[in-house]
Protein backbone atom coordinates (compact mmCIF):
# COMPACT_ATOMS: atom_id res chain seq x y z
CA MET A 1 40.79 -19.29 4.09
CA ASN A 2 37.54 -21.20 3.92
CA SER A 3 35.68 -19.03 6.33
CA LEU A 4 36.72 -15.97 4.33
CA LYS A 5 35.20 -17.54 1.27
CA THR A 6 31.97 -18.33 3.15
CA LEU A 7 32.11 -14.56 4.59
CA VAL A 8 32.48 -13.14 0.87
CA ALA A 9 29.81 -15.63 -0.15
CA ALA A 10 27.17 -14.35 2.60
CA VAL A 11 28.02 -10.74 2.12
CA ALA A 12 27.48 -11.30 -1.83
CA VAL A 13 23.97 -13.06 -1.12
CA SER A 14 22.70 -10.64 1.42
CA ALA A 15 23.75 -7.72 -1.00
CA ALA A 16 21.58 -9.23 -3.67
CA PHE A 17 18.70 -9.45 -1.40
CA ALA A 18 19.26 -6.07 -0.04
CA GLY A 19 19.03 -4.77 -3.86
CA ALA A 20 15.91 -6.86 -4.67
CA ALA A 21 14.10 -5.58 -1.52
CA GLN A 22 14.72 -2.05 -2.59
CA ALA A 23 13.49 -2.67 -6.35
CA GLY A 24 9.82 -2.48 -5.23
CA GLU A 25 10.02 0.95 -3.84
CA LEU A 26 11.49 2.89 -6.81
CA ASP A 27 8.28 3.67 -8.18
CA TYR A 28 6.61 4.85 -4.82
CA PRO A 29 4.98 7.30 -4.53
CA ALA A 30 3.34 6.90 -8.02
CA ALA A 31 3.55 9.88 -10.16
CA ASP A 32 0.21 11.94 -10.49
CA THR A 33 -0.82 11.76 -14.09
CA SER A 34 -4.13 13.22 -13.82
CA ALA A 35 -4.87 16.63 -15.43
CA SER A 36 -7.73 18.79 -14.36
CA THR A 37 -10.00 20.63 -16.79
CA LEU A 38 -11.51 22.95 -14.06
CA THR A 39 -10.05 25.98 -12.46
CA ARG A 40 -9.59 26.41 -8.66
CA ALA A 41 -12.43 29.29 -8.97
CA GLN A 42 -14.70 26.71 -10.72
CA VAL A 43 -14.04 23.96 -8.17
CA VAL A 44 -14.61 26.25 -5.42
CA ALA A 45 -17.74 27.76 -7.08
CA ASP A 46 -19.00 24.24 -7.34
CA LEU A 47 -18.54 23.23 -3.87
CA LYS A 48 -20.40 26.46 -2.57
CA LEU A 49 -23.28 25.45 -4.71
CA ALA A 50 -23.23 22.02 -3.41
CA ARG A 51 -23.18 23.27 0.04
CA ALA A 52 -26.34 25.35 -0.49
CA GLU A 53 -28.27 22.40 -1.83
CA GLY A 54 -27.35 20.46 0.95
CA LEU A 55 -25.30 17.76 -1.01
CA VAL A 56 -22.17 18.06 1.04
CA ALA A 57 -21.77 17.26 4.68
CA THR A 58 -18.59 17.62 6.99
CA THR A 59 -17.49 15.41 9.77
CA GLU A 60 -16.38 16.31 13.05
CA GLN A 61 -12.80 16.78 12.04
CA GLY A 62 -13.94 19.14 8.98
CA ASP A 63 -13.42 16.41 6.43
CA VAL A 64 -15.97 16.77 3.35
CA TYR A 65 -17.83 14.02 1.79
CA ALA A 66 -20.65 14.08 -0.31
CA ALA A 67 -24.02 13.77 1.44
CA ARG A 68 -26.28 10.88 0.02
CA SER A 69 -29.90 11.55 -0.14
CA THR A 70 -32.12 9.20 -2.33
CA ALA A 71 -35.69 9.11 -2.23
CA THR A 72 -37.18 5.57 -2.06
CA GLN A 73 -40.11 4.29 -4.05
CA VAL A 74 -40.81 1.46 -1.63
CA THR A 75 -43.27 1.73 0.97
CA ARG A 76 -42.35 0.40 4.76
CA ALA A 77 -44.91 -2.55 4.48
CA GLN A 78 -43.44 -3.40 1.10
CA VAL A 79 -39.96 -3.56 2.80
CA ARG A 80 -41.39 -5.57 5.78
CA GLN A 81 -42.95 -8.01 3.10
CA GLU A 82 -39.76 -8.58 1.36
CA LEU A 83 -38.00 -9.14 4.66
CA SER A 84 -40.61 -11.75 5.74
CA SER A 85 -40.12 -13.51 2.25
CA ALA A 86 -36.16 -13.56 2.50
CA ARG A 87 -36.59 -14.99 6.07
CA ALA A 88 -38.80 -17.60 4.78
CA ALA A 89 -36.59 -18.51 2.13
CA GLY A 90 -33.57 -18.57 4.28
CA LEU A 91 -31.84 -15.86 2.54
CA GLU A 92 -31.74 -13.17 5.47
CA SER A 93 -27.90 -12.66 6.48
CA THR A 94 -27.02 -11.88 10.01
CA GLY A 95 -23.37 -11.22 9.94
CA GLU A 96 -20.13 -11.48 7.89
CA LEU A 97 -20.05 -15.03 8.37
CA ASP A 98 -23.20 -15.70 6.39
CA TYR A 99 -22.02 -14.09 3.30
CA PRO A 100 -23.03 -14.96 0.76
CA PRO A 101 -26.40 -16.07 1.81
CA VAL A 102 -27.34 -19.49 1.00
CA ALA A 103 -30.82 -20.79 0.99
CA GLY A 104 -31.75 -23.69 3.71
């Protein structure tokens, strides 16, 4: 009789934990609440325009991503000077282990 009580208690406890484990998955995947203000035709037209202007690139697998092209106002000599100053101050980081850079 004692082992029956232990078995029933173990089943009850495991059922309680099984229910708790399932509770986190009730809202997965999250409902999409975004609303578009553009039509499909407008989006396609914008994409064609961006491609024509060279603002969109594709990967080898055909995935589309926005190409970044920013013009710099700094000359190569200025960049080298900033790097030399950072090295002299001990602020040049050489890897993930050096983040955040610390002087000294």
